[in-house]
C-alpha cells in the first residue's frame, strides 16, 4: 500500500497533505487491526488479541505509540530519496 498510495498522494511542499496522510494512515491501520483482531479472529479462531472490552480508541492510541516513529522515519527517508533523485537529475543535465 505504501509504494502505491504514498508517492501519489504525498506532496512534500504541502504540509497539510502530509498531516492528512499521516492521520489517515494511523486511523486506517488502527481500524484494520481492530477489524482483524476483534471481529474476524474471534469468529474464525475463537480467541482475541486483547480483552473483550478493548475498544477502537485503545487501538488508535496503541498504533499512535507504536507507529509514529516508524512512520516519521519512513517519511523522512522518502523525502530524502525524492529530493536526492531530483538533485541528481539537475546535476546530470
N, C-alpha and C. Protein backbone atom coordinates (compact mmCIF):
# COMPACT_ATOMS: atom_id res chain seq x y z
N UNK A 1 0.82 -1.18 0.00
CA UNK A 1 0.00 0.00 0.00
C UNK A 1 0.87 1.25 0.00
N UNK A 2 1.93 1.24 0.78
CA UNK A 2 2.82 2.40 0.86
C UNK A 2 3.40 2.76 -0.50
N UNK A 3 3.87 1.76 -1.23
CA UNK A 3 4.52 2.02 -2.51
C UNK A 3 3.57 2.59 -3.56
N UNK A 4 2.30 2.28 -3.46
CA UNK A 4 1.34 2.75 -4.45
C UNK A 4 0.65 4.05 -4.05
N UNK A 5 0.26 4.15 -2.80
CA UNK A 5 -0.54 5.29 -2.36
C UNK A 5 0.32 6.48 -1.95
N UNK A 6 1.30 6.26 -1.14
CA UNK A 6 2.09 7.36 -0.57
C UNK A 6 2.74 8.25 -1.63
N UNK A 7 3.44 7.72 -2.62
CA UNK A 7 4.06 8.62 -3.61
C UNK A 7 3.06 9.40 -4.45
N UNK A 8 1.87 8.89 -4.64
CA UNK A 8 0.87 9.59 -5.46
C UNK A 8 0.15 10.69 -4.67
N UNK A 9 -0.06 10.49 -3.37
CA UNK A 9 -0.81 11.44 -2.56
C UNK A 9 0.10 12.45 -1.89
N UNK A 10 1.21 12.00 -1.37
CA UNK A 10 2.05 12.86 -0.55
C UNK A 10 2.84 13.85 -1.41
N UNK A 11 2.70 15.11 -1.10
CA UNK A 11 3.46 16.18 -1.74
C UNK A 11 4.22 16.91 -0.64
N UNK A 12 5.55 16.81 -0.61
CA UNK A 12 6.32 17.41 0.49
C UNK A 12 6.17 18.93 0.59
N UNK A 13 5.77 19.59 -0.50
CA UNK A 13 5.63 21.04 -0.44
C UNK A 13 4.32 21.48 0.20
N UNK A 14 3.43 20.56 0.47
CA UNK A 14 2.15 20.87 1.11
C UNK A 14 2.08 20.18 2.47
N UNK A 15 2.26 20.96 3.52
CA UNK A 15 2.29 20.39 4.87
C UNK A 15 0.95 19.79 5.26
N UNK A 16 -0.15 20.42 4.87
CA UNK A 16 -1.45 19.89 5.26
C UNK A 16 -1.69 18.51 4.65
N UNK A 17 -1.15 18.26 3.48
CA UNK A 17 -1.29 16.93 2.87
C UNK A 17 -0.51 15.90 3.67
N UNK A 18 0.66 16.25 4.12
CA UNK A 18 1.47 15.33 4.92
C UNK A 18 0.76 14.99 6.23
N UNK A 19 0.18 15.99 6.87
CA UNK A 19 -0.54 15.75 8.12
C UNK A 19 -1.76 14.87 7.88
N UNK A 20 -2.50 15.17 6.80
CA UNK A 20 -3.69 14.38 6.47
C UNK A 20 -3.32 12.92 6.19
N UNK A 21 -2.30 12.70 5.39
CA UNK A 21 -1.89 11.34 5.04
C UNK A 21 -1.42 10.59 6.28
N UNK A 22 -0.69 11.27 7.16
CA UNK A 22 -0.21 10.64 8.39
C UNK A 22 -1.40 10.22 9.27
N UNK A 23 -2.36 11.13 9.48
CA UNK A 23 -3.52 10.81 10.32
C UNK A 23 -4.40 9.74 9.67
N UNK A 24 -4.57 9.83 8.36
CA UNK A 24 -5.35 8.81 7.65
C UNK A 24 -4.70 7.44 7.78
N UNK A 25 -3.38 7.39 7.69
CA UNK A 25 -2.67 6.13 7.84
C UNK A 25 -2.84 5.55 9.23
N UNK A 26 -2.75 6.40 10.26
CA UNK A 26 -2.95 5.92 11.62
C UNK A 26 -4.36 5.39 11.83
N UNK A 27 -5.35 6.13 11.36
CA UNK A 27 -6.73 5.71 11.53
C UNK A 27 -7.04 4.43 10.75
N UNK A 28 -6.56 4.36 9.53
CA UNK A 28 -6.86 3.17 8.73
C UNK A 28 -6.15 1.93 9.28
N UNK A 29 -4.92 2.09 9.75
CA UNK A 29 -4.22 0.95 10.32
C UNK A 29 -4.87 0.50 11.62
N UNK A 30 -5.28 1.46 12.46
CA UNK A 30 -5.97 1.11 13.71
C UNK A 30 -7.29 0.41 13.40
N UNK A 31 -8.02 0.92 12.42
CA UNK A 31 -9.29 0.28 12.04
C UNK A 31 -9.09 -1.11 11.49
N UNK A 32 -8.06 -1.29 10.69
CA UNK A 32 -7.76 -2.61 10.13
C UNK A 32 -7.38 -3.60 11.23
N UNK A 33 -6.54 -3.15 12.17
CA UNK A 33 -6.17 -4.02 13.29
C UNK A 33 -7.40 -4.39 14.12
N UNK A 34 -8.24 -3.40 14.39
CA UNK A 34 -9.45 -3.67 15.17
C UNK A 34 -10.34 -4.67 14.45
N UNK A 35 -10.53 -4.48 13.17
CA UNK A 35 -11.36 -5.39 12.38
C UNK A 35 -10.81 -6.81 12.43
N UNK A 36 -9.52 -6.96 12.23
CA UNK A 36 -8.93 -8.30 12.23
C UNK A 36 -8.89 -8.93 13.61
N UNK A 37 -8.39 -8.19 14.60
CA UNK A 37 -8.15 -8.78 15.91
C UNK A 37 -9.38 -8.87 16.80
N UNK A 38 -10.37 -8.04 16.59
CA UNK A 38 -11.54 -8.06 17.47
C UNK A 38 -12.80 -8.60 16.81
N UNK A 39 -12.85 -8.61 15.49
CA UNK A 39 -14.06 -9.09 14.82
C UNK A 39 -13.84 -10.39 14.04
N UNK A 40 -12.75 -10.47 13.31
CA UNK A 40 -12.52 -11.65 12.46
C UNK A 40 -11.87 -12.80 13.24
N UNK A 41 -10.84 -12.51 14.04
CA UNK A 41 -10.17 -13.58 14.81
C UNK A 41 -11.12 -14.34 15.73
N UNK A 42 -11.97 -13.66 16.53
CA UNK A 42 -12.87 -14.42 17.41
C UNK A 42 -13.83 -15.33 16.65
N UNK A 43 -14.28 -14.89 15.49
CA UNK A 43 -15.22 -15.70 14.72
C UNK A 43 -14.51 -16.90 14.09
N UNK A 44 -13.32 -16.69 13.55
CA UNK A 44 -12.64 -17.76 12.83
C UNK A 44 -11.83 -18.68 13.73
N UNK A 45 -11.15 -18.11 14.74
CA UNK A 45 -10.26 -18.95 15.56
C UNK A 45 -10.70 -19.06 17.02
N UNK A 46 -11.67 -18.27 17.44
CA UNK A 46 -12.19 -18.39 18.80
C UNK A 46 -11.38 -17.70 19.87
N UNK A 47 -10.47 -16.81 19.53
CA UNK A 47 -9.73 -16.06 20.55
C UNK A 47 -9.52 -14.62 20.09
N UNK A 48 -9.22 -13.78 21.07
CA UNK A 48 -8.95 -12.36 20.82
C UNK A 48 -7.53 -12.03 21.21
N UNK A 49 -7.02 -10.95 20.63
CA UNK A 49 -5.69 -10.49 20.98
C UNK A 49 -5.70 -9.74 22.30
N UNK A 50 -6.77 -8.98 22.56
CA UNK A 50 -6.91 -8.21 23.79
C UNK A 50 -8.19 -8.61 24.50
N UNK A 51 -8.46 -7.96 25.62
CA UNK A 51 -9.67 -8.19 26.40
C UNK A 51 -10.90 -7.82 25.56
N UNK A 52 -12.04 -8.43 25.87
CA UNK A 52 -13.27 -8.16 25.12
C UNK A 52 -13.72 -6.71 25.20
N UNK A 53 -13.37 -6.03 26.27
CA UNK A 53 -13.79 -4.64 26.47
C UNK A 53 -12.88 -3.64 25.73
N UNK A 54 -11.88 -4.11 25.05
CA UNK A 54 -10.96 -3.22 24.34
C UNK A 54 -11.68 -2.59 23.15
N UNK A 55 -11.62 -1.27 23.09
CA UNK A 55 -12.33 -0.56 22.03
C UNK A 55 -11.40 -0.02 20.95
N UNK A 56 -11.99 0.62 19.97
CA UNK A 56 -11.25 1.18 18.86
C UNK A 56 -10.32 2.30 19.32
N UNK A 57 -10.71 3.03 20.36
CA UNK A 57 -9.86 4.10 20.89
C UNK A 57 -8.53 3.56 21.38
N UNK A 58 -8.56 2.41 22.05
CA UNK A 58 -7.32 1.80 22.52
C UNK A 58 -6.41 1.45 21.34
N UNK A 59 -6.98 0.90 20.29
CA UNK A 59 -6.18 0.55 19.11
C UNK A 59 -5.56 1.79 18.47
N UNK A 60 -6.32 2.89 18.44
CA UNK A 60 -5.79 4.13 17.87
C UNK A 60 -4.56 4.60 18.65
N UNK A 61 -4.67 4.68 19.98
CA UNK A 61 -3.54 5.15 20.78
C UNK A 61 -2.40 4.14 20.81
N UNK A 62 -2.71 2.87 20.75
CA UNK A 62 -1.68 1.85 20.67
C UNK A 62 -0.89 1.99 19.37
N UNK A 63 -1.59 2.20 18.27
CA UNK A 63 -0.92 2.40 16.99
C UNK A 63 -0.16 3.72 16.96
N UNK A 64 -0.72 4.73 17.58
CA UNK A 64 -0.04 6.02 17.64
C UNK A 64 1.30 5.86 18.35
N UNK A 65 1.29 5.13 19.44
CA UNK A 65 2.52 4.91 20.20
C UNK A 65 3.52 4.08 19.41
N UNK A 66 3.06 3.01 18.79
CA UNK A 66 3.97 2.08 18.13
C UNK A 66 4.41 2.51 16.74
N UNK A 67 3.60 3.28 16.03
CA UNK A 67 3.91 3.54 14.63
C UNK A 67 4.41 4.95 14.32
N UNK A 68 4.34 5.85 15.27
CA UNK A 68 4.73 7.23 14.98
C UNK A 68 6.18 7.33 14.55
N UNK A 69 7.07 6.76 15.29
CA UNK A 69 8.49 6.85 14.95
C UNK A 69 8.79 6.17 13.61
N UNK A 70 8.23 5.00 13.40
CA UNK A 70 8.45 4.28 12.16
C UNK A 70 7.92 5.06 10.96
N UNK A 71 6.73 5.61 11.09
CA UNK A 71 6.14 6.38 10.01
C UNK A 71 6.93 7.65 9.74
N UNK A 72 7.39 8.30 10.80
CA UNK A 72 8.17 9.52 10.65
C UNK A 72 9.48 9.23 9.93
N UNK A 73 10.17 8.18 10.31
CA UNK A 73 11.43 7.82 9.67
C UNK A 73 11.20 7.44 8.21
N UNK A 74 10.13 6.69 7.91
CA UNK A 74 9.83 6.33 6.52
C UNK A 74 9.54 7.57 5.69
N UNK A 75 8.82 8.52 6.24
CA UNK A 75 8.54 9.77 5.53
C UNK A 75 9.79 10.57 5.26
N UNK A 76 10.66 10.68 6.24
CA UNK A 76 11.92 11.40 6.07
C UNK A 76 12.78 10.72 5.01
N UNK A 77 12.86 9.41 5.05
CA UNK A 77 13.65 8.70 4.04
C UNK A 77 13.08 8.88 2.64
N UNK A 78 11.76 8.90 2.53
CA UNK A 78 11.14 9.11 1.22
C UNK A 78 11.45 10.51 0.71
N UNK A 79 11.35 11.52 1.58
CA UNK A 79 11.66 12.89 1.18
C UNK A 79 13.11 13.01 0.75
N UNK A 80 14.02 12.42 1.53
CA UNK A 80 15.43 12.47 1.16
C UNK A 80 15.69 11.78 -0.17
N UNK A 81 15.05 10.65 -0.38
CA UNK A 81 15.20 9.95 -1.66
C UNK A 81 14.63 10.77 -2.80
N UNK A 82 13.47 11.35 -2.59
CA UNK A 82 12.82 12.14 -3.64
C UNK A 82 13.67 13.36 -4.01
N UNK A 83 14.15 14.08 -3.02
CA UNK A 83 14.98 15.24 -3.30
C UNK A 83 16.35 14.83 -3.83
N UNK A 84 16.85 13.69 -3.39
CA UNK A 84 18.13 13.19 -3.91
C UNK A 84 18.04 12.86 -5.38
N UNK A 85 16.94 12.25 -5.80
CA UNK A 85 16.73 11.93 -7.22
C UNK A 85 16.59 13.21 -8.03
N UNK A 86 15.84 14.18 -7.49
CA UNK A 86 15.67 15.45 -8.20
C UNK A 86 17.00 16.18 -8.32
N UNK A 87 17.81 16.14 -7.28
CA UNK A 87 19.12 16.80 -7.31
C UNK A 87 20.05 16.11 -8.30
N UNK A 88 20.01 14.77 -8.35
CA UNK A 88 20.82 14.04 -9.32
C UNK A 88 20.40 14.35 -10.75
N UNK A 89 19.09 14.50 -10.98
CA UNK A 89 18.61 14.85 -12.30
C UNK A 89 19.10 16.22 -12.73
N UNK A 90 19.13 17.18 -11.79
CA UNK A 90 19.64 18.51 -12.09
C UNK A 90 21.13 18.48 -12.42
N UNK A 91 21.86 17.66 -11.68
CA UNK A 91 23.31 17.57 -11.90
C UNK A 91 23.64 16.87 -13.22
N UNK A 92 22.78 15.97 -13.68
CA UNK A 92 23.04 15.25 -14.92
C UNK A 92 22.80 16.10 -16.16
N UNK A 93 21.99 17.14 -16.02
CA UNK A 93 21.72 18.00 -17.17
C UNK A 93 22.71 19.07 -17.26
